[in-house]
């Protein structure tokens, strides 16, 4: 199947987004990143379907154990089903946590470390890839599973409004561990109640917040590959989709600073003053000034990358750093940034 474009998903309402399979959404956010050259959506989704069917068969085969000793499973049919899910994925499907991945300096450079296609291909996973896989498979079985963030970590949660049953699922451990929320205030990185409130941590994510988390991960990958423009777009959408998660806005601001520094180093002396007319809004949840900053940096990058400008303007400025040649403009006004982009 052809994956949907992540930017199209970002424009959907929460209700519309909820109709999309979480595995598809995750893979769509990975598409095009370094580490996805061999990404085969059909094969990935066939594996997800096969593993879900295997979990269903094993649950049916083992349910007599629950019936004969409910107390051993906390008297919870939900807990028993999640236990089978975790056991089958780990023991039969080879799903595992690989702590060596997060210690690599290039961890974020390779999307296979970050999204579910790496795990589906037999590679170990981390908290960015394992919980989405658990949740995607669980939802195919009708389990009310959610994704939940805490400081520098992602985990899953069973949350069933009809019965009020709710417990957390740690997807990076061997076997099944179900820690309370307080545990995640101190692990893996200590946090505080104000930080939890400001960042929206420990709350079950909505479909738009799930997408925002995947897009933030996309931004991390692009940023580590020095693709500032693409990283900024991913963070901008993440911040727009999940405005209560202030960490996404922080990532965006830091990326724009890095991008600006990168462009300033590429500017020749006497680079023209640039005025940009802001086009139709792309990120309506962002402050206008922040979106204007993004567009301004895009325009600067496009001007620097234009071959004709490189030949006629930038090369002469580099050759004569103490004087502006008369044919090089001192100011440039851009009324249609998209048209400028098409000239590169």
C-alpha atoms as a PDB file:
ATOM      1  CA  UNK A   1       0.000   0.000   0.000  1.00  0.00           C
ATOM      2  CA  UNK A   2       1.021   3.604  -0.470  1.00  0.00           C
ATOM      3  CA  UNK A   3       1.468   5.276   2.882  1.00  0.00           C
ATOM      4  CA  UNK A   4      -0.426   8.520   3.455  1.00  0.00           C
ATOM      5  CA  UNK A   5       1.671  11.668   3.549  1.00  0.00           C
ATOM      6  CA  UNK A   6       2.280  12.694   7.143  1.00  0.00           C
ATOM      7  CA  UNK A   7       1.428  16.306   6.295  1.00  0.00           C
ATOM      8  CA  UNK A   8      -2.027  15.181   5.146  1.00  0.00           C
ATOM      9  CA  UNK A   9      -2.499  13.282   8.412  1.00  0.00           C
ATOM     10  CA  UNK A  10      -1.527  16.415  10.336  1.00  0.00           C
ATOM     11  CA  UNK A  11      -4.459  18.288   8.799  1.00  0.00           C
ATOM     12  CA  UNK A  12      -7.055  15.747   9.966  1.00  0.00           C
ATOM     13  CA  UNK A  13      -9.306  16.193  12.956  1.00  0.00           C
ATOM     14  CA  UNK A  14      -8.808  13.971  15.964  1.00  0.00           C
ATOM     15  CA  UNK A  15     -11.853  11.903  15.010  1.00  0.00           C
ATOM     16  CA  UNK A  16     -10.588  11.450  11.446  1.00  0.00           C
ATOM     17  CA  UNK A  17      -7.107  10.556  12.609  1.00  0.00           C
ATOM     18  CA  UNK A  18      -8.508   7.973  15.035  1.00  0.00           C
ATOM     19  CA  UNK A  19      -9.733   5.915  12.062  1.00  0.00           C
ATOM     20  CA  UNK A  20      -6.149   5.380  10.856  1.00  0.00           C
ATOM     21  CA  UNK A  21      -4.157   2.362  12.002  1.00  0.00           C
ATOM     22  CA  UNK A  22      -1.415   3.462  14.404  1.00  0.00           C
ATOM     23  CA  UNK A  23       1.180   1.370  12.570  1.00  0.00           C
ATOM     24  CA  UNK A  24       0.340   3.198   9.339  1.00  0.00           C
ATOM     25  CA  UNK A  25       0.641   6.581  11.062  1.00  0.00           C
ATOM     26  CA  UNK A  26       4.001   5.625  12.559  1.00  0.00           C
ATOM     27  CA  UNK A  27       5.373   4.372   9.245  1.00  0.00           C
ATOM     28  CA  UNK A  28       4.083   7.469   7.440  1.00  0.00           C
ATOM     29  CA  UNK A  29       6.099   9.647   9.822  1.00  0.00           C
ATOM     30  CA  UNK A  30       9.198   7.549   9.150  1.00  0.00           C
ATOM     31  CA  UNK A  31       8.888   7.652   5.352  1.00  0.00           C
ATOM     32  CA  UNK A  32      11.684   9.506   3.591  1.00  0.00           C
ATOM     33  CA  UNK A  33      14.010   9.654   6.584  1.00  0.00           C
ATOM     34  CA  UNK A  34      17.569   8.298   6.570  1.00  0.00           C
ATOM     35  CA  UNK A  35      17.261   4.618   7.437  1.00  0.00           C
ATOM     36  CA  UNK A  36      14.096   4.008   5.393  1.00  0.00           C
ATOM     37  CA  UNK A  37      15.578   3.166   1.993  1.00  0.00           C
ATOM     38  CA  UNK A  38      14.420  -0.435   2.336  1.00  0.00           C
ATOM     39  CA  UNK A  39      11.159   0.403   4.141  1.00  0.00           C
ATOM     40  CA  UNK A  40       8.424  -1.826   2.676  1.00  0.00           C
ATOM     41  CA  UNK A  41       5.028  -0.732   4.040  1.00  0.00           C
ATOM     42  CA  UNK A  42       3.201  -3.817   2.773  1.00  0.00           C
ATOM     43  CA  UNK A  43       5.677  -6.164   4.398  1.00  0.00           C
ATOM     44  CA  UNK A  44       5.651  -4.197   7.658  1.00  0.00           C
ATOM     45  CA  UNK A  45       1.873  -4.159   7.900  1.00  0.00           C
ATOM     46  CA  UNK A  46       1.658  -7.846   6.958  1.00  0.00           C
ATOM     47  CA  UNK A  47       4.018  -8.586   9.849  1.00  0.00           C
ATOM     48  CA  UNK A  48       1.908  -6.516  12.242  1.00  0.00           C
ATOM     49  CA  UNK A  49      -1.209  -8.397  11.114  1.00  0.00           C
ATOM     50  CA  UNK A  50       0.545 -11.764  11.430  1.00  0.00           C
ATOM     51  CA  UNK A  51       1.809 -11.009  14.922  1.00  0.00           C
ATOM     52  CA  UNK A  52      -1.621  -9.764  16.013  1.00  0.00           C
ATOM     53  CA  UNK A  53      -3.222 -12.983  14.755  1.00  0.00           C
ATOM     54  CA  UNK A  54      -0.595 -15.037  16.592  1.00  0.00           C
ATOM     55  CA  UNK A  55      -1.269 -13.148  19.832  1.00  0.00           C
ATOM     56  CA  UNK A  56      -4.995 -13.783  19.391  1.00  0.00           C
ATOM     57  CA  UNK A  57      -4.450 -17.526  18.917  1.00  0.00           C
ATOM     58  CA  UNK A  58      -2.142 -17.769  21.913  1.00  0.00           C
ATOM     59  CA  UNK A  59      -4.568 -15.820  24.081  1.00  0.00           C
ATOM     60  CA  UNK A  60      -7.368 -18.199  23.170  1.00  0.00           C
ATOM     61  CA  UNK A  61      -5.123 -21.200  23.767  1.00  0.00           C
ATOM     62  CA  UNK A  62      -3.985 -19.976  27.184  1.00  0.00           C
ATOM     63  CA  UNK A  63      -7.219 -18.527  28.556  1.00  0.00           C
ATOM     64  CA  UNK A  64      -7.858 -21.639  30.637  1.00  0.00           C
ATOM     65  CA  UNK A  65      -4.922 -20.561  32.803  1.00  0.00           C
ATOM     66  CA  UNK A  66      -6.748 -17.377  33.692  1.00  0.00           C
ATOM     67  CA  UNK A  67      -9.973 -19.241  34.392  1.00  0.00           C
ATOM     68  CA  UNK A  68      -8.233 -21.735  36.684  1.00  0.00           C
ATOM     69  CA  UNK A  69      -6.227 -19.174  38.710  1.00  0.00           C
ATOM     70  CA  UNK A  70      -7.537 -15.644  38.346  1.00  0.00           C
ATOM     71  CA  UNK A  71      -5.643 -14.447  41.421  1.00  0.00           C
ATOM     72  CA  UNK A  72      -2.320 -15.169  39.694  1.00  0.00           C
ATOM     73  CA  UNK A  73      -3.242 -12.516  37.154  1.00  0.00           C
ATOM     74  CA  UNK A  74      -4.559  -9.888  39.583  1.00  0.00           C
ATOM     75  CA  UNK A  75      -8.086 -11.103  38.844  1.00  0.00           C
ATOM     76  CA  UNK A  76      -7.883  -9.069  35.631  1.00  0.00           C
ATOM     77  CA  UNK A  77      -8.740 -10.415  32.200  1.00  0.00           C
ATOM     78  CA  UNK A  78      -7.211  -7.229  30.786  1.00  0.00           C
ATOM     79  CA  UNK A  79      -3.917  -7.845  32.585  1.00  0.00           C
ATOM     80  CA  UNK A  80      -3.857 -11.464  31.390  1.00  0.00           C
ATOM     81  CA  UNK A  81      -4.357 -10.420  27.758  1.00  0.00           C
ATOM     82  CA  UNK A  82      -1.566  -7.834  27.943  1.00  0.00           C
ATOM     83  CA  UNK A  83       0.680 -10.446  29.586  1.00  0.00           C
ATOM     84  CA  UNK A  84       0.099 -12.799  26.669  1.00  0.00           C
ATOM     85  CA  UNK A  85       0.679  -9.937  24.234  1.00  0.00           C
ATOM     86  CA  UNK A  86       4.039  -9.089  25.805  1.00  0.00           C
ATOM     87  CA  UNK A  87       5.087 -12.727  26.131  1.00  0.00           C
ATOM     88  CA  UNK A  88       4.275 -13.627  22.535  1.00  0.00           C
ATOM     89  CA  UNK A  89       5.951 -10.531  21.102  1.00  0.00           C
ATOM     90  CA  UNK A  90       9.094 -11.122  23.133  1.00  0.00           C
ATOM     91  CA  UNK A  91       9.372 -14.915  23.077  1.00  0.00           C
ATOM     92  CA  UNK A  92       7.862 -15.824  19.703  1.00  0.00           C
ATOM     93  CA  UNK A  93       8.376 -12.709  17.582  1.00  0.00           C
ATOM     94  CA  UNK A  94      11.775 -11.648  18.892  1.00  0.00           C
ATOM     95  CA  UNK A  95      10.709  -8.153  19.942  1.00  0.00           C
ATOM     96  CA  UNK A  96      13.265  -6.845  22.391  1.00  0.00           C
ATOM     97  CA  UNK A  97      14.730  -3.733  23.923  1.00  0.00           C
ATOM     98  CA  UNK A  98      18.273  -2.884  22.829  1.00  0.00           C
ATOM     99  CA  UNK A  99      19.891  -0.545  25.386  1.00  0.00           C
ATOM    100  CA  UNK A 100      23.014  -0.270  23.242  1.00  0.00           C
ATOM    101  CA  UNK A 101      21.069   1.769  20.688  1.00  0.00           C
ATOM    102  CA  UNK A 102      20.446   4.757  22.959  1.00  0.00           C
ATOM    103  CA  UNK A 103      24.131   4.965  23.870  1.00  0.00           C
ATOM    104  CA  UNK A 104      25.150   5.479  20.246  1.00  0.00           C
ATOM    105  CA  UNK A 105      26.163   8.979  19.202  1.00  0.00           C
ATOM    106  CA  UNK A 106      24.262   8.462  15.941  1.00  0.00           C
ATOM    107  CA  UNK A 107      21.112   7.044  17.546  1.00  0.00           C
ATOM    108  CA  UNK A 108      18.783   9.689  16.106  1.00  0.00           C
ATOM    109  CA  UNK A 109      20.390   9.677  12.658  1.00  0.00           C
ATOM    110  CA  UNK A 110      18.835   6.357  11.653  1.00  0.00           C
ATOM    111  CA  UNK A 111      15.050   6.101  11.522  1.00  0.00           C
ATOM    112  CA  UNK A 112      15.276   2.327  11.973  1.00  0.00           C
ATOM    113  CA  UNK A 113      16.302   3.053  15.575  1.00  0.00           C
ATOM    114  CA  UNK A 114      13.254   5.237  16.114  1.00  0.00           C
ATOM    115  CA  UNK A 115      10.221   3.821  14.295  1.00  0.00           C
ATOM    116  CA  UNK A 116       8.505   0.442  14.230  1.00  0.00           C
ATOM    117  CA  UNK A 117       9.928  -0.733  10.885  1.00  0.00           C
ATOM    118  CA  UNK A 118      13.265  -1.357  12.592  1.00  0.00           C
ATOM    119  CA  UNK A 119      11.671  -3.662  15.162  1.00  0.00           C
ATOM    120  CA  UNK A 120       9.569  -5.409  12.525  1.00  0.00           C
ATOM    121  CA  UNK A 121      12.754  -6.144  10.568  1.00  0.00           C
ATOM    122  CA  UNK A 122      14.263  -7.925  13.570  1.00  0.00           C
ATOM    123  CA  UNK A 123      16.229  -5.035  14.979  1.00  0.00           C
ATOM    124  CA  UNK A 124      16.033  -4.275  18.668  1.00  0.00           C
ATOM    125  CA  UNK A 125      13.891  -1.345  19.712  1.00  0.00           C
ATOM    126  CA  UNK A 126      13.738   1.416  22.292  1.00  0.00           C
ATOM    127  CA  UNK A 127      11.005   3.387  24.004  1.00  0.00           C
ATOM    128  CA  UNK A 128      10.388   5.349  20.813  1.00  0.00           C
ATOM    129  CA  UNK A 129       9.552   2.244  18.746  1.00  0.00           C
ATOM    130  CA  UNK A 130       8.393  -0.509  21.110  1.00  0.00           C
ATOM    131  CA  UNK A 131       5.320   1.149  22.708  1.00  0.00           C
ATOM    132  CA  UNK A 132       3.834   2.151  19.323  1.00  0.00           C
ATOM    133  CA  UNK A 133       4.242  -1.447  18.157  1.00  0.00           C
ATOM    134  CA  UNK A 134       2.604  -2.886  21.297  1.00  0.00           C
ATOM    135  CA  UNK A 135      -0.264  -0.404  21.004  1.00  0.00           C
ATOM    136  CA  UNK A 136      -0.730  -0.951  17.261  1.00  0.00           C
ATOM    137  CA  UNK A 137      -0.982  -4.711  17.716  1.00  0.00           C
ATOM    138  CA  UNK A 138      -3.152  -4.428  20.813  1.00  0.00           C
ATOM    139  CA  UNK A 139      -5.619  -2.155  19.073  1.00  0.00           C
ATOM    140  CA  UNK A 140      -5.997  -4.685  16.273  1.00  0.00           C
ATOM    141  CA  UNK A 141      -7.199  -7.069  18.978  1.00  0.00           C
ATOM    142  CA  UNK A 142      -9.646  -4.507  20.315  1.00  0.00           C
ATOM    143  CA  UNK A 143      -7.567  -3.570  23.377  1.00  0.00           C
ATOM    144  CA  UNK A 144      -8.058   0.015  24.644  1.00  0.00           C
ATOM    145  CA  UNK A 145      -4.369   0.898  24.596  1.00  0.00           C
ATOM    146  CA  UNK A 146      -2.901   4.396  24.706  1.00  0.00           C
ATOM    147  CA  UNK A 147       0.536   5.942  24.405  1.00  0.00           C
ATOM    148  CA  UNK A 148       1.831   7.975  27.345  1.00  0.00           C
ATOM    149  CA  UNK A 149       4.881  10.228  27.638  1.00  0.00           C
ATOM    150  CA  UNK A 150       7.024  11.078  30.608  1.00  0.00           C
ATOM    151  CA  UNK A 151      10.387  12.799  30.744  1.00  0.00           C
ATOM    152  CA  UNK A 152      12.555  11.238  27.990  1.00  0.00           C
ATOM    153  CA  UNK A 153      10.403   8.103  27.819  1.00  0.00           C
ATOM    154  CA  UNK A 154       7.321   6.608  26.189  1.00  0.00           C
ATOM    155  CA  UNK A 155       5.185   3.783  27.534  1.00  0.00           C
ATOM    156  CA  UNK A 156       1.748   2.270  26.976  1.00  0.00           C
ATOM    157  CA  UNK A 157      -1.427   2.198  29.041  1.00  0.00           C
ATOM    158  CA  UNK A 158      -4.565   0.090  29.191  1.00  0.00           C
ATOM    159  CA  UNK A 159      -7.427   2.517  29.751  1.00  0.00           C
ATOM    160  CA  UNK A 160     -10.968   1.219  29.514  1.00  0.00           C
ATOM    161  CA  UNK A 161     -13.629   3.828  30.374  1.00  0.00           C
ATOM    162  CA  UNK A 162     -16.434   1.248  30.497  1.00  0.00           C
ATOM    163  CA  UNK A 163     -14.832  -0.609  33.411  1.00  0.00           C
ATOM    164  CA  UNK A 164     -12.538   2.153  34.748  1.00  0.00           C
ATOM    165  CA  UNK A 165      -9.672  -0.340  34.541  1.00  0.00           C
ATOM    166  CA  UNK A 166      -6.365   1.413  33.978  1.00  0.00           C
ATOM    167  CA  UNK A 167      -2.759   0.268  34.263  1.00  0.00           C
ATOM    168  CA  UNK A 168       0.549   1.201  32.680  1.00  0.00           C
ATOM    169  CA  UNK A 169       2.600  -1.109  30.467  1.00  0.00           C
ATOM    170  CA  UNK A 170       6.390  -0.803  30.384  1.00  0.00           C
ATOM    171  CA  UNK A 171       7.339  -1.975  26.898  1.00  0.00           C
ATOM    172  CA  UNK A 172      11.122  -1.883  27.301  1.00  0.00           C
ATOM    173  CA  UNK A 173      11.372  -4.493  30.068  1.00  0.00           C
ATOM    174  CA  UNK A 174      11.541  -8.261  29.895  1.00  0.00           C
ATOM    175  CA  UNK A 175       8.211  -9.835  30.700  1.00  0.00           C
ATOM    176  CA  UNK A 176       5.450  -7.487  31.824  1.00  0.00           C
ATOM    177  CA  UNK A 177       5.945  -4.666  34.308  1.00  0.00           C
ATOM    178  CA  UNK A 178       3.084  -2.363  35.217  1.00  0.00           C
ATOM    179  CA  UNK A 179       4.415   0.598  37.171  1.00  0.00           C
ATOM    180  CA  UNK A 180       2.244   3.299  38.688  1.00  0.00           C
ATOM    181  CA  UNK A 181       2.390   6.897  37.500  1.00  0.00           C
ATOM    182  CA  UNK A 182       4.584   7.876  40.450  1.00  0.00           C
ATOM    183  CA  UNK A 183       7.306   5.571  39.162  1.00  0.00           C
ATOM    184  CA  UNK A 184       7.554   7.633  35.982  1.00  0.00           C
ATOM    185  CA  UNK A 185       8.030  10.828  37.957  1.00  0.00           C
ATOM    186  CA  UNK A 186      11.496   9.541  38.822  1.00  0.00           C
ATOM    187  CA  UNK A 187      12.391   7.191  35.963  1.00  0.00           C
ATOM    188  CA  UNK A 188      14.150   7.291  33.591  1.00  0.00           C
ATOM    189  CA  UNK A 189      14.706  10.997  34.341  1.00  0.00           C
ATOM    190  CA  UNK A 190      13.364  12.721  37.467  1.00  0.00           C
ATOM    191  CA  UNK A 191      10.711  15.300  36.797  1.00  0.00           C
ATOM    192  CA  UNK A 192       8.456  17.595  38.818  1.00  0.00           C
ATOM    193  CA  UNK A 193       4.686  18.162  38.900  1.00  0.00           C
ATOM    194  CA  UNK A 194       5.065  21.591  37.218  1.00  0.00           C
ATOM    195  CA  UNK A 195       7.047  19.983  34.396  1.00  0.00           C
ATOM    196  CA  UNK A 196       4.429  17.256  34.074  1.00  0.00           C
ATOM    197  CA  UNK A 197       1.713  19.894  33.761  1.00  0.00           C
ATOM    198  CA  UNK A 198       3.676  22.067  31.343  1.00  0.00           C
ATOM    199  CA  UNK A 199       4.644  19.196  29.054  1.00  0.00           C
ATOM    200  CA  UNK A 200       1.451  17.151  29.212  1.00  0.00           C
ATOM    201  CA  UNK A 201       3.275  14.118  30.570  1.00  0.00           C
ATOM    202  CA  UNK A 202       1.565  11.077  32.133  1.00  0.00           C
ATOM    203  CA  UNK A 203      -1.648  11.837  30.233  1.00  0.00           C
ATOM    204  CA  UNK A 204      -3.068   9.309  27.776  1.00  0.00           C
ATOM    205  CA  UNK A 205      -2.434  10.734  24.352  1.00  0.00           C
ATOM    206  CA  UNK A 206      -5.115  11.685  21.867  1.00  0.00           C
ATOM    207  CA  UNK A 207      -4.703  10.622  18.222  1.00  0.00           C
ATOM    208  CA  UNK A 208      -3.324  14.069  17.345  1.00  0.00           C
ATOM    209  CA  UNK A 209      -0.868  13.882  20.238  1.00  0.00           C
ATOM    210  CA  UNK A 210       0.283  10.454  19.083  1.00  0.00           C
ATOM    211  CA  UNK A 211       0.973  11.907  15.641  1.00  0.00           C
ATOM    212  CA  UNK A 212       2.729  14.879  17.247  1.00  0.00           C
ATOM    213  CA  UNK A 213       5.041  12.532  19.130  1.00  0.00           C
ATOM    214  CA  UNK A 214       5.951  10.673  15.942  1.00  0.00           C
ATOM    215  CA  UNK A 215       6.587  13.971  14.159  1.00  0.00           C
ATOM    216  CA  UNK A 216       8.818  15.159  16.988  1.00  0.00           C
ATOM    217  CA  UNK A 217      10.811  11.955  16.560  1.00  0.00           C
ATOM    218  CA  UNK A 218      10.972  12.702  12.839  1.00  0.00           C
ATOM    219  CA  UNK A 219      12.311  16.131  13.758  1.00  0.00           C
ATOM    220  CA  UNK A 220      15.001  14.581  15.975  1.00  0.00           C
ATOM    221  CA  UNK A 221      16.162  12.432  13.057  1.00  0.00           C
ATOM    222  CA  UNK A 222      16.321  15.319  10.604  1.00  0.00           C
ATOM    223  CA  UNK A 223      18.083  17.519  13.136  1.00  0.00           C
ATOM    224  CA  UNK A 224      20.809  14.954  13.777  1.00  0.00           C
ATOM    225  CA  UNK A 225      21.276  14.780  10.010  1.00  0.00           C
ATOM    226  CA  UNK A 226      21.668  18.577   9.824  1.00  0.00           C
ATOM    227  CA  UNK A 227      18.440  18.933   7.823  1.00  0.00           C
ATOM    228  CA  UNK A 228      17.251  21.998   9.710  1.00  0.00           C
ATOM    229  CA  UNK A 229      14.418  22.929   7.380  1.00  0.00           C
ATOM    230  CA  UNK A 230      12.828  19.492   7.527  1.00  0.00           C
ATOM    231  CA  UNK A 231      13.369  19.301  11.288  1.00  0.00           C
ATOM    232  CA  UNK A 232      11.685  22.679  11.766  1.00  0.00           C
ATOM    233  CA  UNK A 233       8.648  21.583   9.736  1.00  0.00           C
ATOM    234  CA  UNK A 234       8.269  18.410  11.804  1.00  0.00           C
ATOM    235  CA  UNK A 235       8.599  20.259  15.112  1.00  0.00           C
ATOM    236  CA  UNK A 236       6.241  23.011  13.955  1.00  0.00           C
ATOM    237  CA  UNK A 237       3.538  20.477  13.164  1.00  0.00           C
ATOM    238  CA  UNK A 238       4.177  18.616  16.421  1.00  0.00           C
ATOM    239  CA  UNK A 239       3.782  21.844  18.362  1.00  0.00           C
ATOM    240  CA  UNK A 240       0.622  22.726  16.427  1.00  0.00           C
ATOM    241  CA  UNK A 241      -0.962  19.318  16.981  1.00  0.00           C
ATOM    242  CA  UNK A 242      -0.118  19.149  20.695  1.00  0.00           C
ATOM    243  CA  UNK A 243       0.144  22.718  22.019  1.00  0.00           C
ATOM    244  CA  UNK A 244       0.034  21.553  25.651  1.00  0.00           C
ATOM    245  CA  UNK A 245       3.344  19.717  25.120  1.00  0.00           C
ATOM    246  CA  UNK A 246       5.699  22.661  25.537  1.00  0.00           C
ATOM    247  CA  UNK A 247       8.737  20.507  24.794  1.00  0.00           C
ATOM    248  CA  UNK A 248       7.894  20.525  21.083  1.00  0.00           C
ATOM    249  CA  UNK A 249       7.946  24.332  21.011  1.00  0.00           C
ATOM    250  CA  UNK A 250      11.299  24.238  22.791  1.00  0.00           C
ATOM    251  CA  UNK A 251      12.689  21.840  20.162  1.00  0.00           C
ATOM    252  CA  UNK A 252      11.402  24.117  17.410  1.00  0.00           C
ATOM    253  CA  UNK A 253      13.002  27.217  18.925  1.00  0.00           C
ATOM    254  CA  UNK A 254      16.361  25.475  19.354  1.00  0.00           C
ATOM    255  CA  UNK A 255      16.243  24.163  15.782  1.00  0.00           C
ATOM    256  CA  UNK A 256      15.508  27.607  14.383  1.00  0.00           C
ATOM    257  CA  UNK A 257      18.494  29.001  16.279  1.00  0.00           C
ATOM    258  CA  UNK A 258      20.764  26.272  14.893  1.00  0.00           C
ATOM    259  CA  UNK A 259      19.372  26.778  11.398  1.00  0.00           C
ATOM    260  CA  UNK A 260      19.940  30.542  11.577  1.00  0.00           C
ATOM    261  CA  UNK A 261      23.529  30.031  12.689  1.00  0.00           C
ATOM    262  CA  UNK A 262      24.093  27.559   9.858  1.00  0.00           C
ATOM    263  CA  UNK A 263      22.726  30.009   7.274  1.00  0.00           C
ATOM    264  CA  UNK A 264      24.661  32.967   8.651  1.00  0.00           C
ATOM    265  CA  UNK A 265      27.873  31.031   8.156  1.00  0.00           C
ATOM    266  CA  UNK A 266      26.926  30.511   4.516  1.00  0.00           C
ATOM    267  CA  UNK A 267      26.080  34.186   3.863  1.00  0.00           C
ATOM    268  CA  UNK A 268      28.697  36.201   2.013  1.00  0.00           C
ATOM    269  CA  UNK A 269      29.662  39.674   3.276  1.00  0.00           C
ATOM    270  CA  UNK A 270      27.101  42.402   2.445  1.00  0.00           C
ATOM    271  CA  UNK A 271      24.314  39.845   2.060  1.00  0.00           C
ATOM    272  CA  UNK A 272      21.140  41.760   1.078  1.00  0.00           C
ATOM    273  CA  UNK A 273      18.497  42.659   3.626  1.00  0.00           C
ATOM    274  CA  UNK A 274      15.534  40.332   3.016  1.00  0.00           C
ATOM    275  CA  UNK A 275      11.863  41.197   3.511  1.00  0.00           C
ATOM    276  CA  UNK A 276       9.318  38.397   3.238  1.00  0.00           C
ATOM    277  CA  UNK A 277       5.559  38.680   2.899  1.00  0.00           C
ATOM    278  CA  UNK A 278       4.031  35.894   4.979  1.00  0.00           C
ATOM    279  CA  UNK A 279       1.914  33.603   2.764  1.00  0.00           C
ATOM    280  CA  UNK A 280      -1.197  31.715   3.854  1.00  0.00           C
ATOM    281  CA  UNK A 281      -0.713  30.200   7.289  1.00  0.00           C
ATOM    282  CA  UNK A 282       0.660  26.643   7.439  1.00  0.00           C
ATOM    283  CA  UNK A 283       0.797  26.333  11.218  1.00  0.00           C
ATOM    284  CA  UNK A 284      -2.289  28.105  12.580  1.00  0.00           C
ATOM    285  CA  UNK A 285      -1.584  27.019  16.159  1.00  0.00           C
ATOM    286  CA  UNK A 286       1.842  28.687  16.150  1.00  0.00           C
ATOM    287  CA  UNK A 287       2.379  32.343  16.942  1.00  0.00           C
ATOM    288  CA  UNK A 288       2.477  34.410  13.750  1.00  0.00           C
ATOM    289  CA  UNK A 289       5.961  35.633  14.661  1.00  0.00           C
ATOM    290  CA  UNK A 290       7.237  32.046  14.942  1.00  0.00           C
ATOM    291  CA  UNK A 291       5.803  31.052  11.583  1.00  0.00           C
ATOM    292  CA  UNK A 292       7.228  34.225  10.040  1.00  0.00           C
ATOM    293  CA  UNK A 293      10.621  33.220  11.403  1.00  0.00           C
ATOM    294  CA  UNK A 294      10.341  29.802   9.750  1.00  0.00           C
ATOM    295  CA  UNK A 295       9.356  31.300   6.394  1.00  0.00           C
ATOM    296  CA  UNK A 296      12.148  33.891   6.582  1.00  0.00           C
ATOM    297  CA  UNK A 297      14.760  31.186   7.136  1.00  0.00           C
ATOM    298  CA  UNK A 298      13.300  29.127   4.286  1.00  0.00           C
ATOM    299  CA  UNK A 299      13.621  32.137   1.982  1.00  0.00           C
ATOM    300  CA  UNK A 300      17.233  32.766   3.041  1.00  0.00           C
ATOM    301  CA  UNK A 301      18.061  29.108   2.364  1.00  0.00           C
ATOM    302  CA  UNK A 302      16.392  29.256  -1.051  1.00  0.00           C
ATOM    303  CA  UNK A 303      18.198  32.456  -1.983  1.00  0.00           C
ATOM    304  CA  UNK A 304      21.549  30.994  -0.973  1.00  0.00           C
ATOM    305  CA  UNK A 305      20.836  27.777  -2.854  1.00  0.00           C
ATOM    306  CA  UNK A 306      19.654  29.388  -6.098  1.00  0.00           C
ATOM    307  CA  UNK A 307      22.307  28.570  -8.772  1.00  0.00           C
ATOM    308  CA  UNK A 308      21.836  31.852 -10.639  1.00  0.00           C
ATOM    309  CA  UNK A 309      22.171  33.888  -7.467  1.00  0.00           C
ATOM    310  CA  UNK A 310      25.236  31.878  -6.518  1.00  0.00           C
ATOM    311  CA  UNK A 311      26.860  32.757  -9.814  1.00  0.00           C
ATOM    312  CA  UNK A 312      25.729  36.385 -10.188  1.00  0.00           C
ATOM    313  CA  UNK A 313      25.514  37.598  -6.584  1.00  0.00           C
ATOM    314  CA  UNK A 314      27.099  35.421  -3.920  1.00  0.00           C
ATOM    315  CA  UNK A 315      30.309  34.540  -5.756  1.00  0.00           C
ATOM    316  CA  UNK A 316      31.097  38.239  -6.472  1.00  0.00           C
ATOM    317  CA  UNK A 317      30.405  39.122  -2.834  1.00  0.00           C
ATOM    318  CA  UNK A 318      32.816  36.437  -1.659  1.00  0.00           C
ATOM    319  CA  UNK A 319      35.435  37.627  -4.150  1.00  0.00           C
ATOM    320  CA  UNK A 320      35.099  41.266  -3.053  1.00  0.00           C
ATOM    321  CA  UNK A 321      34.252  41.073   0.657  1.00  0.00           C
ATOM    322  CA  UNK A 322      34.907  44.784   1.296  1.00  0.00           C
ATOM    323  CA  UNK A 323      32.617  46.251  -1.333  1.00  0.00           C
ATOM    324  CA  UNK A 324      29.217  45.405  -2.796  1.00  0.00           C
ATOM    325  CA  UNK A 325      29.322  45.140  -6.612  1.00  0.00           C
ATOM    326  CA  UNK A 326      26.786  47.546  -8.137  1.00  0.00           C
ATOM    327  CA  UNK A 327      24.727  44.766  -9.735  1.00  0.00           C
ATOM    328  CA  UNK A 328      24.147  42.978  -6.399  1.00  0.00           C
ATOM    329  CA  UNK A 329      20.979  44.213  -4.638  1.00  0.00           C
ATOM    330  CA  UNK A 330      21.164  45.625  -1.137  1.00  0.00           C
ATOM    331  CA  UNK A 331      17.603  44.536  -0.378  1.00  0.00           C
ATOM    332  CA  UNK A 332      15.359  41.725  -1.620  1.00  0.00           C
ATOM    333  CA  UNK A 333      11.590  41.566  -1.148  1.00  0.00           C
ATOM    334  CA  UNK A 334       9.936  38.161  -1.535  1.00  0.00           C
ATOM    335  CA  UNK A 335       6.174  38.122  -2.013  1.00  0.00           C
ATOM    336  CA  UNK A 336       5.797  34.457  -3.041  1.00  0.00           C
ATOM    337  CA  UNK A 337       8.166  32.176  -1.062  1.00  0.00           C
ATOM    338  CA  UNK A 338       6.790  29.053  -2.741  1.00  0.00           C
ATOM    339  CA  UNK A 339       7.725  30.355  -6.189  1.00  0.00           C
ATOM    340  CA  UNK A 340      11.225  31.100  -4.952  1.00  0.00           C
ATOM    341  CA  UNK A 341      11.536  27.543  -3.686  1.00  0.00           C
ATOM    342  CA  UNK A 342      10.607  26.163  -7.108  1.00  0.00           C
ATOM    343  CA  UNK A 343      13.564  27.961  -8.708  1.00  0.00           C
ATOM    344  CA  UNK A 344      16.175  26.006  -6.750  1.00  0.00           C
END
